[in-house]
């Protein structure tokens, strides 16, 4: 085999290789589309207008705003994890007697880790 025929064989493989890869990619995409259509056809149809939720006879439900009493986290020398917190986080809080909303101090960041400068007094 001479170098001309060897170069010609390499050129043919450089054309056929990407062509076969492209055909495989198109086949995979068509298969995925076909499978998606089959799954979509098995889904139930959207609800009809009479199956839609309706407002209660009393009208829309109003929003309730109330302040809750804070729950103190128990102090410990060790790091507390959720399974060590007995009766915390799963017990309902009480309604606060104060109607005034708690406000942050002026100059504070608002919450831990928010990136603000924090309160400096």
N, C-alpha and C. Protein backbone atom coordinates (compact mmCIF):
# COMPACT_ATOMS: atom_id res chain seq x y z
N UNK A 1 0.85 -1.17 0.00
CA UNK A 1 0.00 0.00 0.00
C UNK A 1 0.89 1.23 0.00
N UNK A 2 0.63 2.13 -0.91
CA UNK A 2 1.46 3.34 -0.97
C UNK A 2 0.83 4.45 -0.14
N UNK A 3 1.52 5.54 -0.05
CA UNK A 3 1.07 6.65 0.82
C UNK A 3 -0.17 7.32 0.28
N UNK A 4 -0.38 7.32 -1.03
CA UNK A 4 -1.57 7.96 -1.59
C UNK A 4 -2.82 7.19 -1.18
N UNK A 5 -2.79 5.88 -1.31
CA UNK A 5 -3.97 5.10 -0.93
C UNK A 5 -4.17 5.14 0.59
N UNK A 6 -3.08 5.23 1.34
CA UNK A 6 -3.20 5.33 2.80
C UNK A 6 -3.83 6.66 3.20
N UNK A 7 -3.44 7.73 2.58
CA UNK A 7 -4.05 9.05 2.84
C UNK A 7 -5.52 9.06 2.45
N UNK A 8 -5.84 8.38 1.33
CA UNK A 8 -7.23 8.32 0.88
C UNK A 8 -8.08 7.54 1.88
N UNK A 9 -7.54 6.46 2.44
CA UNK A 9 -8.27 5.67 3.43
C UNK A 9 -8.51 6.49 4.70
N UNK A 10 -7.52 7.27 5.14
CA UNK A 10 -7.68 8.11 6.32
C UNK A 10 -8.74 9.18 6.05
N UNK A 11 -8.74 9.75 4.84
CA UNK A 11 -9.75 10.78 4.51
C UNK A 11 -11.16 10.19 4.52
N UNK A 12 -11.30 8.95 4.02
CA UNK A 12 -12.62 8.32 4.00
C UNK A 12 -13.11 8.08 5.44
N UNK A 13 -12.21 7.59 6.30
CA UNK A 13 -12.60 7.37 7.70
C UNK A 13 -12.93 8.67 8.41
N UNK A 14 -12.28 9.76 8.06
CA UNK A 14 -12.57 11.05 8.69
C UNK A 14 -13.92 11.60 8.24
N UNK A 15 -14.42 11.13 7.12
CA UNK A 15 -15.75 11.54 6.65
C UNK A 15 -16.81 10.60 7.20
N UNK A 16 -16.55 9.30 7.15
CA UNK A 16 -17.54 8.31 7.56
C UNK A 16 -17.74 8.31 9.08
N UNK A 17 -16.67 8.48 9.87
CA UNK A 17 -16.77 8.46 11.34
C UNK A 17 -17.74 9.49 11.88
N UNK A 18 -17.57 10.79 11.57
CA UNK A 18 -18.53 11.79 12.06
C UNK A 18 -19.93 11.60 11.50
N UNK A 19 -20.04 11.08 10.25
CA UNK A 19 -21.35 10.84 9.67
C UNK A 19 -22.10 9.75 10.46
N UNK A 20 -21.42 8.69 10.83
CA UNK A 20 -22.04 7.63 11.63
C UNK A 20 -22.42 8.17 13.01
N UNK A 21 -21.54 8.97 13.62
CA UNK A 21 -21.85 9.56 14.93
C UNK A 21 -23.08 10.46 14.84
N UNK A 22 -23.19 11.24 13.78
CA UNK A 22 -24.35 12.13 13.61
C UNK A 22 -25.63 11.33 13.44
N UNK A 23 -25.58 10.24 12.68
CA UNK A 23 -26.76 9.39 12.50
C UNK A 23 -27.17 8.78 13.84
N UNK A 24 -26.22 8.36 14.65
CA UNK A 24 -26.54 7.80 15.96
C UNK A 24 -27.18 8.85 16.88
N UNK A 25 -26.66 10.07 16.86
CA UNK A 25 -27.23 11.14 17.70
C UNK A 25 -28.66 11.43 17.26
N UNK A 26 -28.91 11.50 15.95
CA UNK A 26 -30.27 11.76 15.46
C UNK A 26 -31.20 10.61 15.85
N UNK A 27 -30.71 9.37 15.76
CA UNK A 27 -31.53 8.23 16.15
C UNK A 27 -31.88 8.28 17.64
N UNK A 28 -30.91 8.64 18.48
CA UNK A 28 -31.18 8.76 19.92
C UNK A 28 -32.20 9.87 20.20
N UNK A 29 -32.07 11.00 19.51
CA UNK A 29 -33.03 12.09 19.72
C UNK A 29 -34.44 11.69 19.27
N UNK A 30 -34.54 11.01 18.14
CA UNK A 30 -35.86 10.56 17.67
C UNK A 30 -36.45 9.53 18.65
N UNK A 31 -35.62 8.63 19.18
CA UNK A 31 -36.10 7.66 20.15
C UNK A 31 -36.59 8.33 21.42
N UNK A 32 -35.86 9.34 21.90
CA UNK A 32 -36.28 10.06 23.10
C UNK A 32 -37.59 10.80 22.86
N UNK A 33 -37.75 11.40 21.67
CA UNK A 33 -39.00 12.10 21.34
C UNK A 33 -40.16 11.11 21.30
N UNK A 34 -39.95 9.97 20.67
CA UNK A 34 -40.99 8.95 20.56
C UNK A 34 -41.40 8.45 21.94
N UNK A 35 -40.42 8.21 22.80
CA UNK A 35 -40.72 7.75 24.15
C UNK A 35 -41.49 8.83 24.94
N UNK A 36 -41.12 10.09 24.77
CA UNK A 36 -41.83 11.18 25.44
C UNK A 36 -43.27 11.28 25.00
N UNK A 37 -43.51 11.08 23.70
CA UNK A 37 -44.89 11.12 23.20
C UNK A 37 -45.70 9.98 23.78
N UNK A 38 -45.11 8.78 23.89
CA UNK A 38 -45.82 7.65 24.48
C UNK A 38 -46.20 7.92 25.93
N UNK A 39 -45.27 8.49 26.69
CA UNK A 39 -45.55 8.81 28.10
C UNK A 39 -46.61 9.89 28.19
N UNK A 40 -46.54 10.90 27.33
CA UNK A 40 -47.51 12.00 27.35
C UNK A 40 -48.92 11.49 27.04
N UNK A 41 -49.05 10.50 26.15
CA UNK A 41 -50.37 9.98 25.79
C UNK A 41 -50.99 9.18 26.93
N UNK A 42 -50.17 8.63 27.84
CA UNK A 42 -50.70 7.86 28.96
C UNK A 42 -51.18 8.75 30.11
N UNK A 43 -50.79 10.02 30.13
CA UNK A 43 -51.18 10.92 31.22
C UNK A 43 -52.67 11.22 31.14
N UNK A 44 -53.30 11.46 32.29
CA UNK A 44 -54.73 11.82 32.25
C UNK A 44 -54.91 13.20 31.63
N UNK A 45 -56.08 13.44 31.06
CA UNK A 45 -56.32 14.76 30.46
C UNK A 45 -56.43 15.83 31.54
N UNK A 46 -56.30 17.10 31.16
CA UNK A 46 -56.46 18.17 32.16
C UNK A 46 -57.90 18.19 32.68
N UNK A 47 -58.12 18.70 33.89
CA UNK A 47 -59.47 18.69 34.46
C UNK A 47 -60.43 19.57 33.66
N UNK A 48 -61.67 19.12 33.60
CA UNK A 48 -62.71 19.88 32.91
C UNK A 48 -63.14 21.05 33.81
N UNK A 49 -63.82 22.04 33.27
CA UNK A 49 -64.22 23.20 34.08
C UNK A 49 -65.05 22.83 35.31
N UNK A 50 -65.90 21.81 35.21
CA UNK A 50 -66.72 21.45 36.39
C UNK A 50 -65.89 20.70 37.44
N UNK A 51 -64.69 20.23 37.09
CA UNK A 51 -63.83 19.56 38.05
C UNK A 51 -62.87 20.52 38.76
N UNK A 52 -62.87 21.78 38.35
CA UNK A 52 -61.97 22.77 38.94
C UNK A 52 -62.41 23.10 40.36
N UNK A 53 -61.46 23.49 41.24
CA UNK A 53 -61.84 23.89 42.60
C UNK A 53 -62.74 25.12 42.59
N UNK A 54 -63.63 25.20 43.56
CA UNK A 54 -64.55 26.33 43.65
C UNK A 54 -64.37 27.05 44.98
N UNK A 55 -64.75 28.32 45.02
CA UNK A 55 -64.71 29.09 46.25
C UNK A 55 -65.74 28.55 47.23
N UNK A 56 -65.45 28.60 48.52
CA UNK A 56 -66.47 28.20 49.50
C UNK A 56 -67.68 29.14 49.41
N UNK A 57 -68.81 28.68 49.91
CA UNK A 57 -70.03 29.51 49.89
C UNK A 57 -69.85 30.78 50.69
N UNK A 58 -68.99 30.76 51.72
CA UNK A 58 -68.77 31.94 52.56
C UNK A 58 -67.86 32.95 51.89
N UNK A 59 -67.28 32.63 50.77
CA UNK A 59 -66.36 33.54 50.09
C UNK A 59 -64.91 33.13 50.35
N UNK A 60 -63.97 33.95 49.89
CA UNK A 60 -62.56 33.58 50.07
C UNK A 60 -62.15 33.59 51.53
N UNK A 61 -61.20 32.73 51.86
CA UNK A 61 -60.71 32.63 53.23
C UNK A 61 -59.79 33.81 53.50
N UNK A 62 -59.98 34.46 54.65
CA UNK A 62 -59.17 35.63 54.98
C UNK A 62 -57.82 35.26 55.56
N UNK A 63 -56.92 36.21 55.53
CA UNK A 63 -55.58 36.01 56.08
C UNK A 63 -55.59 36.36 57.56
N UNK A 64 -54.89 35.57 58.37
CA UNK A 64 -54.81 35.82 59.80
C UNK A 64 -53.40 36.24 60.11
N UNK A 65 -53.25 37.39 60.75
CA UNK A 65 -51.93 37.88 61.18
C UNK A 65 -51.91 37.89 62.69
N UNK A 66 -50.90 37.22 63.24
CA UNK A 66 -50.77 37.22 64.68
C UNK A 66 -49.31 37.00 65.03
N UNK A 67 -48.92 37.50 66.18
CA UNK A 67 -47.57 37.29 66.68
C UNK A 67 -47.55 36.04 67.54
N UNK A 68 -46.45 35.29 67.48
CA UNK A 68 -46.32 34.08 68.26
C UNK A 68 -45.27 34.29 69.34
N UNK A 69 -45.45 33.62 70.47
CA UNK A 69 -44.47 33.68 71.57
C UNK A 69 -43.21 32.94 71.13
N UNK A 70 -42.04 33.50 71.42
CA UNK A 70 -40.81 32.80 71.04
C UNK A 70 -40.57 31.58 71.93
N UNK A 71 -39.96 30.58 71.37
CA UNK A 71 -39.58 29.38 72.11
C UNK A 71 -38.07 29.43 72.33
N UNK A 72 -37.65 29.31 73.57
CA UNK A 72 -36.22 29.34 73.88
C UNK A 72 -35.59 27.99 73.57
N UNK A 73 -34.41 28.02 72.96
CA UNK A 73 -33.65 26.81 72.69
C UNK A 73 -32.83 26.50 73.93
N UNK A 74 -32.85 25.25 74.40
CA UNK A 74 -32.10 24.93 75.61
C UNK A 74 -30.60 25.11 75.39
N UNK A 75 -29.92 25.60 76.43
CA UNK A 75 -28.46 25.80 76.37
C UNK A 75 -27.77 24.48 76.65
N UNK A 76 -26.64 24.25 75.97
CA UNK A 76 -25.90 23.02 76.15
C UNK A 76 -24.44 23.26 75.82
N UNK A 77 -23.57 22.46 76.41
CA UNK A 77 -22.14 22.58 76.09
C UNK A 77 -21.84 21.96 74.74
N UNK A 78 -22.68 21.04 74.32
CA UNK A 78 -22.47 20.34 73.05
C UNK A 78 -23.38 20.93 71.98
N UNK A 79 -22.99 20.70 70.75
CA UNK A 79 -23.79 21.17 69.63
C UNK A 79 -25.12 20.42 69.62
N UNK A 80 -26.21 21.16 69.50
CA UNK A 80 -27.53 20.53 69.50
C UNK A 80 -27.92 20.15 68.08
N UNK A 81 -28.38 18.94 67.93
CA UNK A 81 -28.90 18.49 66.65
C UNK A 81 -30.40 18.23 66.81
N UNK A 82 -31.15 18.15 65.72
CA UNK A 82 -32.61 18.02 65.85
C UNK A 82 -33.06 16.84 66.69
N UNK A 83 -32.35 15.72 66.63
CA UNK A 83 -32.82 14.57 67.40
C UNK A 83 -32.57 14.73 68.90
N UNK A 84 -31.74 15.70 69.29
CA UNK A 84 -31.51 15.96 70.72
C UNK A 84 -32.50 16.97 71.28
N UNK A 85 -33.23 17.65 70.44
CA UNK A 85 -34.20 18.64 70.89
C UNK A 85 -35.51 17.93 71.21
N UNK A 86 -35.71 17.63 72.45
CA UNK A 86 -36.93 16.95 72.88
C UNK A 86 -38.05 17.99 73.00
N UNK A 87 -39.14 17.72 72.32
CA UNK A 87 -40.34 18.56 72.38
C UNK A 87 -40.07 19.99 71.91
N UNK A 88 -39.12 20.16 71.02
CA UNK A 88 -38.88 21.47 70.42
C UNK A 88 -39.00 21.34 68.91
N UNK A 89 -39.66 22.29 68.30
CA UNK A 89 -39.83 22.26 66.86
C UNK A 89 -41.05 21.49 66.42
N UNK A 90 -41.57 20.63 67.28
CA UNK A 90 -42.77 19.90 66.91
C UNK A 90 -43.95 20.22 67.83
N UNK A 91 -43.75 21.16 68.73
CA UNK A 91 -44.82 21.59 69.63
C UNK A 91 -45.28 22.96 69.14
N UNK A 92 -46.58 23.15 69.05
CA UNK A 92 -47.11 24.42 68.58
C UNK A 92 -46.78 25.57 69.51
N UNK A 93 -46.57 26.75 68.94
CA UNK A 93 -46.27 27.92 69.76
C UNK A 93 -47.58 28.59 70.18
N UNK A 94 -47.47 29.50 71.13
CA UNK A 94 -48.65 30.18 71.67
C UNK A 94 -48.78 31.55 71.02
N UNK A 95 -50.00 32.03 70.98
CA UNK A 95 -50.25 33.38 70.47
C UNK A 95 -49.73 34.40 71.47
N UNK A 96 -49.04 35.41 71.01
CA UNK A 96 -48.47 36.44 71.88
C UNK A 96 -49.55 37.40 72.33
N UNK A 97 -49.39 37.91 73.55
CA UNK A 97 -50.35 38.89 74.05
C UNK A 97 -50.09 40.26 73.44
N UNK A 98 -48.87 40.47 72.95
CA UNK A 98 -48.52 41.76 72.35
C UNK A 98 -48.97 41.79 70.89
N UNK A 99 -49.60 42.89 70.50
CA UNK A 99 -50.04 43.05 69.12
C UNK A 99 -49.00 43.78 68.27
N UNK A 100 -47.92 44.24 68.91
CA UNK A 100 -46.90 45.01 68.21
C UNK A 100 -45.89 44.05 67.56
N UNK A 101 -45.60 44.28 66.28
CA UNK A 101 -44.66 43.42 65.57
C UNK A 101 -43.24 43.71 66.03
N UNK A 102 -42.42 42.67 66.20
CA UNK A 102 -41.02 42.92 66.59
C UNK A 102 -40.26 43.57 65.43
N UNK A 103 -39.42 44.53 65.76
CA UNK A 103 -38.62 45.24 64.76
C UNK A 103 -37.15 45.03 65.06
N UNK A 104 -36.33 45.10 64.03
CA UNK A 104 -34.90 44.99 64.20
C UNK A 104 -34.34 46.32 64.67
N UNK A 105 -33.23 46.26 65.37
CA UNK A 105 -32.57 47.48 65.79
C UNK A 105 -32.01 48.21 64.57
N UNK A 106 -32.03 49.52 64.64
CA UNK A 106 -31.48 50.30 63.54
C UNK A 106 -29.98 50.00 63.43
N UNK A 107 -29.52 49.74 62.21
CA UNK A 107 -28.12 49.45 61.98
C UNK A 107 -27.77 47.98 62.09
N UNK A 108 -28.75 47.14 62.44
CA UNK A 108 -28.44 45.71 62.51
C UNK A 108 -28.66 45.10 61.13
N UNK A 109 -28.14 43.92 60.95
CA UNK A 109 -28.20 43.29 59.63
C UNK A 109 -29.56 42.67 59.36
N UNK A 110 -30.35 42.43 60.32
CA UNK A 110 -31.67 41.87 60.11
C UNK A 110 -31.74 40.39 60.44
N UNK A 111 -30.71 39.67 60.14
CA UNK A 111 -30.68 38.26 60.49
C UNK A 111 -29.24 37.78 60.44
N UNK A 112 -29.02 36.63 61.01
CA UNK A 112 -27.66 36.09 61.04
C UNK A 112 -27.24 35.68 59.64
N UNK A 113 -26.08 36.12 59.23
CA UNK A 113 -25.53 35.68 57.96
C UNK A 113 -26.07 36.40 56.75
N UNK A 114 -26.74 37.52 56.92
CA UNK A 114 -27.30 38.21 55.77
C UNK A 114 -26.28 39.09 55.07
N UNK A 115 -25.09 39.21 55.63
CA UNK A 115 -24.06 39.99 54.96
C UNK A 115 -24.00 41.43 55.39
N UNK A 116 -24.91 41.86 56.25
CA UNK A 116 -24.91 43.24 56.70
C UNK A 116 -23.83 43.46 57.75
N UNK A 117 -23.60 44.72 58.11
CA UNK A 117 -22.54 45.01 59.08
C UNK A 117 -22.88 44.60 60.50
N UNK A 118 -24.15 44.39 60.79
CA UNK A 118 -24.54 44.01 62.15
C UNK A 118 -24.66 45.24 63.04
N UNK A 119 -25.15 45.03 64.24
CA UNK A 119 -25.34 46.13 65.17
C UNK A 119 -24.01 46.41 65.89
N UNK A 120 -23.56 47.63 65.81
CA UNK A 120 -22.33 48.03 66.50
C UNK A 120 -22.69 49.16 67.45
N UNK A 121 -22.60 48.88 68.73
CA UNK A 121 -22.97 49.91 69.72
C UNK A 121 -21.78 50.31 70.50
